[in-house]
Amino acid sequence: MAKYEMLYLINNELTEEAKEAEIAKYEAIVKDFGGTVVSTDKWGAKKLSYPIKFKSEAYYVLMTFECDGAANKELTRVSGLSANVLRCMITK
């Protein structure tokens, strides 16, 4: 299994419970595909350099995990469909 990092920006207007649920959703996807979550770093709210979806602030989360390629495709698909995720980037 390869090691990956996923940096994603969550809508900062969500409640803390909704943010935690969104983070838990992506961790569960990795575990469902047989991977392991090494760490989840919550960087907190930061100002964006330019507006994304008419938002000027976002909540940054960096998740480090080990899995196969199928989990990456599912993470990309689910984050693209979610209205709460402004941007997502997965790197190896």
N, C-alpha and C. Protein backbone atom coordinates (compact mmCIF):
# COMPACT_ATOMS: atom_id res chain seq x y z
N MET A 1 0.83 -1.18 0.00
CA MET A 1 0.00 0.00 0.00
C MET A 1 0.88 1.25 0.00
N ALA A 2 0.43 2.23 -0.72
CA ALA A 2 1.18 3.48 -0.83
C ALA A 2 0.68 4.49 0.21
N LYS A 3 1.52 5.46 0.51
CA LYS A 3 1.18 6.50 1.47
C LYS A 3 0.72 7.75 0.72
N TYR A 4 -0.41 8.32 1.15
CA TYR A 4 -1.00 9.49 0.50
C TYR A 4 -1.31 10.56 1.52
N GLU A 5 -1.46 11.78 1.01
CA GLU A 5 -1.96 12.90 1.81
C GLU A 5 -3.14 13.51 1.08
N MET A 6 -4.18 13.82 1.82
CA MET A 6 -5.35 14.48 1.26
C MET A 6 -5.57 15.78 2.02
N LEU A 7 -5.45 16.88 1.31
CA LEU A 7 -5.73 18.19 1.90
C LEU A 7 -7.07 18.65 1.34
N TYR A 8 -7.99 18.94 2.24
CA TYR A 8 -9.29 19.41 1.77
C TYR A 8 -9.77 20.57 2.63
N LEU A 9 -10.56 21.42 1.98
CA LEU A 9 -11.07 22.63 2.60
C LEU A 9 -12.57 22.47 2.82
N ILE A 10 -12.99 22.60 4.06
CA ILE A 10 -14.41 22.47 4.41
C ILE A 10 -14.99 23.87 4.61
N ASN A 11 -16.26 24.00 4.27
CA ASN A 11 -16.98 25.25 4.47
C ASN A 11 -16.89 25.64 5.95
N ASN A 12 -16.38 26.81 6.24
CA ASN A 12 -16.16 27.26 7.61
C ASN A 12 -17.45 27.64 8.32
N GLU A 13 -18.54 27.80 7.60
CA GLU A 13 -19.81 28.19 8.21
C GLU A 13 -20.53 27.02 8.86
N LEU A 14 -20.02 25.80 8.71
CA LEU A 14 -20.62 24.63 9.33
C LEU A 14 -20.39 24.64 10.83
N THR A 15 -21.24 23.92 11.56
CA THR A 15 -21.03 23.78 13.00
C THR A 15 -19.87 22.82 13.24
N GLU A 16 -19.36 22.81 14.46
CA GLU A 16 -18.25 21.92 14.80
C GLU A 16 -18.63 20.45 14.62
N GLU A 17 -19.88 20.11 14.96
CA GLU A 17 -20.34 18.73 14.81
C GLU A 17 -20.38 18.33 13.34
N ALA A 18 -20.81 19.24 12.48
CA ALA A 18 -20.87 18.95 11.04
C ALA A 18 -19.47 18.81 10.45
N LYS A 19 -18.53 19.62 10.92
CA LYS A 19 -17.15 19.51 10.46
C LYS A 19 -16.56 18.16 10.87
N GLU A 20 -16.79 17.75 12.12
CA GLU A 20 -16.29 16.47 12.61
C GLU A 20 -16.92 15.31 11.84
N ALA A 21 -18.20 15.43 11.49
CA ALA A 21 -18.87 14.38 10.72
C ALA A 21 -18.28 14.27 9.33
N GLU A 22 -17.95 15.41 8.73
CA GLU A 22 -17.34 15.42 7.39
C GLU A 22 -15.95 14.77 7.44
N ILE A 23 -15.18 15.07 8.46
CA ILE A 23 -13.85 14.48 8.62
C ILE A 23 -13.96 12.98 8.84
N ALA A 24 -14.90 12.56 9.68
CA ALA A 24 -15.10 11.14 9.97
C ALA A 24 -15.54 10.38 8.72
N LYS A 25 -16.29 11.04 7.84
CA LYS A 25 -16.75 10.40 6.61
C LYS A 25 -15.57 9.99 5.73
N TYR A 26 -14.58 10.86 5.59
CA TYR A 26 -13.43 10.56 4.74
C TYR A 26 -12.51 9.52 5.38
N GLU A 27 -12.41 9.56 6.71
CA GLU A 27 -11.63 8.52 7.39
C GLU A 27 -12.29 7.16 7.22
N ALA A 28 -13.63 7.12 7.26
CA ALA A 28 -14.36 5.86 7.11
C ALA A 28 -14.20 5.29 5.70
N ILE A 29 -14.12 6.15 4.71
CA ILE A 29 -13.93 5.67 3.33
C ILE A 29 -12.59 4.95 3.21
N VAL A 30 -11.54 5.53 3.79
CA VAL A 30 -10.22 4.90 3.74
C VAL A 30 -10.26 3.54 4.43
N LYS A 31 -10.90 3.47 5.59
CA LYS A 31 -10.97 2.21 6.34
C LYS A 31 -11.82 1.18 5.62
N ASP A 32 -12.89 1.61 4.95
CA ASP A 32 -13.76 0.68 4.22
C ASP A 32 -13.02 0.01 3.07
N PHE A 33 -12.04 0.69 2.50
CA PHE A 33 -11.27 0.13 1.39
C PHE A 33 -10.02 -0.60 1.88
N GLY A 34 -9.94 -0.88 3.17
CA GLY A 34 -8.83 -1.65 3.71
C GLY A 34 -7.58 -0.85 4.00
N GLY A 35 -7.67 0.46 4.00
CA GLY A 35 -6.52 1.30 4.29
C GLY A 35 -6.45 1.68 5.76
N THR A 36 -5.42 2.41 6.11
CA THR A 36 -5.27 2.89 7.47
C THR A 36 -5.02 4.40 7.46
N VAL A 37 -5.65 5.08 8.39
CA VAL A 37 -5.44 6.52 8.54
C VAL A 37 -4.28 6.72 9.50
N VAL A 38 -3.20 7.31 9.02
CA VAL A 38 -2.01 7.53 9.84
C VAL A 38 -2.24 8.71 10.78
N SER A 39 -2.73 9.83 10.24
CA SER A 39 -3.01 11.00 11.07
C SER A 39 -4.00 11.91 10.37
N THR A 40 -4.70 12.70 11.18
CA THR A 40 -5.61 13.72 10.67
C THR A 40 -5.28 15.01 11.39
N ASP A 41 -4.72 15.97 10.67
CA ASP A 41 -4.34 17.26 11.25
C ASP A 41 -5.39 18.30 10.88
N LYS A 42 -5.99 18.88 11.90
CA LYS A 42 -6.98 19.94 11.68
C LYS A 42 -6.27 21.28 11.82
N TRP A 43 -6.06 21.93 10.69
CA TRP A 43 -5.33 23.19 10.70
C TRP A 43 -6.21 24.36 11.13
N GLY A 44 -7.49 24.20 11.07
CA GLY A 44 -8.40 25.25 11.49
C GLY A 44 -8.79 26.18 10.36
N ALA A 45 -9.47 27.26 10.73
CA ALA A 45 -9.98 28.22 9.75
C ALA A 45 -8.87 29.16 9.30
N LYS A 46 -8.80 29.35 8.01
CA LYS A 46 -7.82 30.26 7.42
C LYS A 46 -8.49 31.06 6.31
N LYS A 47 -7.98 32.24 6.08
CA LYS A 47 -8.48 33.09 5.01
C LYS A 47 -7.96 32.58 3.67
N LEU A 48 -8.84 32.52 2.69
CA LEU A 48 -8.45 32.08 1.35
C LEU A 48 -7.84 33.25 0.59
N SER A 49 -6.93 32.95 -0.32
CA SER A 49 -6.29 34.02 -1.09
C SER A 49 -7.24 34.56 -2.17
N TYR A 50 -8.23 33.78 -2.55
CA TYR A 50 -9.27 34.24 -3.46
C TYR A 50 -10.56 33.48 -3.12
N PRO A 51 -11.72 34.06 -3.40
CA PRO A 51 -12.98 33.39 -3.03
C PRO A 51 -13.19 32.09 -3.81
N ILE A 52 -13.67 31.08 -3.10
CA ILE A 52 -14.05 29.81 -3.71
C ILE A 52 -15.51 29.58 -3.35
N LYS A 53 -16.35 29.44 -4.35
CA LYS A 53 -17.80 29.26 -4.15
C LYS A 53 -18.35 30.37 -3.25
N PHE A 54 -17.88 31.58 -3.47
CA PHE A 54 -18.30 32.79 -2.77
C PHE A 54 -17.95 32.77 -1.27
N LYS A 55 -16.99 31.97 -0.88
CA LYS A 55 -16.52 31.90 0.52
C LYS A 55 -15.13 32.49 0.60
N SER A 56 -14.85 33.25 1.67
CA SER A 56 -13.54 33.85 1.82
C SER A 56 -12.70 33.17 2.89
N GLU A 57 -13.30 32.25 3.68
CA GLU A 57 -12.58 31.48 4.68
C GLU A 57 -12.95 30.01 4.55
N ALA A 58 -12.02 29.14 4.94
CA ALA A 58 -12.27 27.69 4.89
C ALA A 58 -11.57 27.03 6.06
N TYR A 59 -12.04 25.85 6.43
CA TYR A 59 -11.45 25.04 7.48
C TYR A 59 -10.57 23.99 6.82
N TYR A 60 -9.26 24.04 7.08
CA TYR A 60 -8.30 23.17 6.43
C TYR A 60 -8.10 21.88 7.22
N VAL A 61 -8.06 20.74 6.50
CA VAL A 61 -7.81 19.44 7.13
C VAL A 61 -6.81 18.68 6.26
N LEU A 62 -5.77 18.13 6.89
CA LEU A 62 -4.78 17.31 6.20
C LEU A 62 -4.84 15.90 6.77
N MET A 63 -5.20 14.93 5.92
CA MET A 63 -5.29 13.54 6.33
C MET A 63 -4.18 12.75 5.65
N THR A 64 -3.37 12.05 6.43
CA THR A 64 -2.32 11.17 5.90
C THR A 64 -2.81 9.75 6.07
N PHE A 65 -2.73 8.96 4.98
CA PHE A 65 -3.27 7.60 5.04
C PHE A 65 -2.51 6.69 4.09
N GLU A 66 -2.68 5.38 4.30
CA GLU A 66 -2.11 4.36 3.43
C GLU A 66 -3.24 3.51 2.87
N CYS A 67 -3.26 3.35 1.55
CA CYS A 67 -4.31 2.56 0.91
C CYS A 67 -3.92 2.25 -0.53
N ASP A 68 -4.83 1.63 -1.25
CA ASP A 68 -4.61 1.36 -2.66
C ASP A 68 -5.29 2.43 -3.50
N GLY A 69 -5.20 2.33 -4.80
CA GLY A 69 -5.73 3.36 -5.70
C GLY A 69 -7.23 3.48 -5.72
N ALA A 70 -7.95 2.40 -5.41
CA ALA A 70 -9.41 2.45 -5.45
C ALA A 70 -9.97 3.42 -4.42
N ALA A 71 -9.33 3.50 -3.26
CA ALA A 71 -9.79 4.43 -2.23
C ALA A 71 -9.59 5.88 -2.69
N ASN A 72 -8.52 6.15 -3.42
CA ASN A 72 -8.29 7.51 -3.93
C ASN A 72 -9.41 7.94 -4.85
N LYS A 73 -9.82 7.05 -5.74
CA LYS A 73 -10.90 7.40 -6.67
C LYS A 73 -12.19 7.67 -5.92
N GLU A 74 -12.47 6.87 -4.89
CA GLU A 74 -13.69 7.07 -4.11
C GLU A 74 -13.62 8.37 -3.32
N LEU A 75 -12.47 8.68 -2.73
CA LEU A 75 -12.32 9.95 -1.99
C LEU A 75 -12.52 11.15 -2.91
N THR A 76 -11.95 11.07 -4.11
CA THR A 76 -12.10 12.16 -5.07
C THR A 76 -13.55 12.31 -5.49
N ARG A 77 -14.21 11.19 -5.72
CA ARG A 77 -15.61 11.22 -6.15
C ARG A 77 -16.51 11.80 -5.06
N VAL A 78 -16.36 11.32 -3.83
CA VAL A 78 -17.23 11.76 -2.74
C VAL A 78 -16.97 13.24 -2.40
N SER A 79 -15.71 13.65 -2.39
CA SER A 79 -15.42 15.05 -2.07
C SER A 79 -15.91 15.98 -3.17
N GLY A 80 -15.92 15.51 -4.41
CA GLY A 80 -16.44 16.32 -5.51
C GLY A 80 -17.94 16.49 -5.45
N LEU A 81 -18.64 15.50 -4.90
CA LEU A 81 -20.09 15.57 -4.78
C LEU A 81 -20.56 16.34 -3.55
N SER A 82 -19.71 16.46 -2.55
CA SER A 82 -20.08 17.10 -1.30
C SER A 82 -20.15 18.62 -1.47
N ALA A 83 -21.25 19.20 -0.99
CA ALA A 83 -21.41 20.65 -1.05
C ALA A 83 -20.58 21.33 0.03
N ASN A 84 -20.14 20.58 1.03
CA ASN A 84 -19.38 21.16 2.15
C ASN A 84 -17.89 21.26 1.88
N VAL A 85 -17.39 20.56 0.87
CA VAL A 85 -15.96 20.59 0.55
C VAL A 85 -15.73 21.59 -0.59
N LEU A 86 -14.90 22.59 -0.32
CA LEU A 86 -14.64 23.62 -1.32
C LEU A 86 -13.56 23.17 -2.30
N ARG A 87 -12.48 22.54 -1.79
CA ARG A 87 -11.38 22.04 -2.63
C ARG A 87 -10.82 20.79 -2.00
N CYS A 88 -10.22 19.94 -2.84
CA CYS A 88 -9.61 18.70 -2.36
C CYS A 88 -8.41 18.39 -3.25
N MET A 89 -7.32 17.93 -2.61
CA MET A 89 -6.14 17.53 -3.37
C MET A 89 -5.51 16.32 -2.68
N ILE A 90 -5.26 15.27 -3.47
CA ILE A 90 -4.63 14.07 -2.95
C ILE A 90 -3.26 13.93 -3.63
N THR A 91 -2.22 13.75 -2.81
CA THR A 91 -0.87 13.59 -3.34
C THR A 91 -0.27 12.31 -2.78
N LYS A 92 0.66 11.74 -3.54
CA LYS A 92 1.32 10.50 -3.14
C LYS A 92 2.64 10.83 -2.48
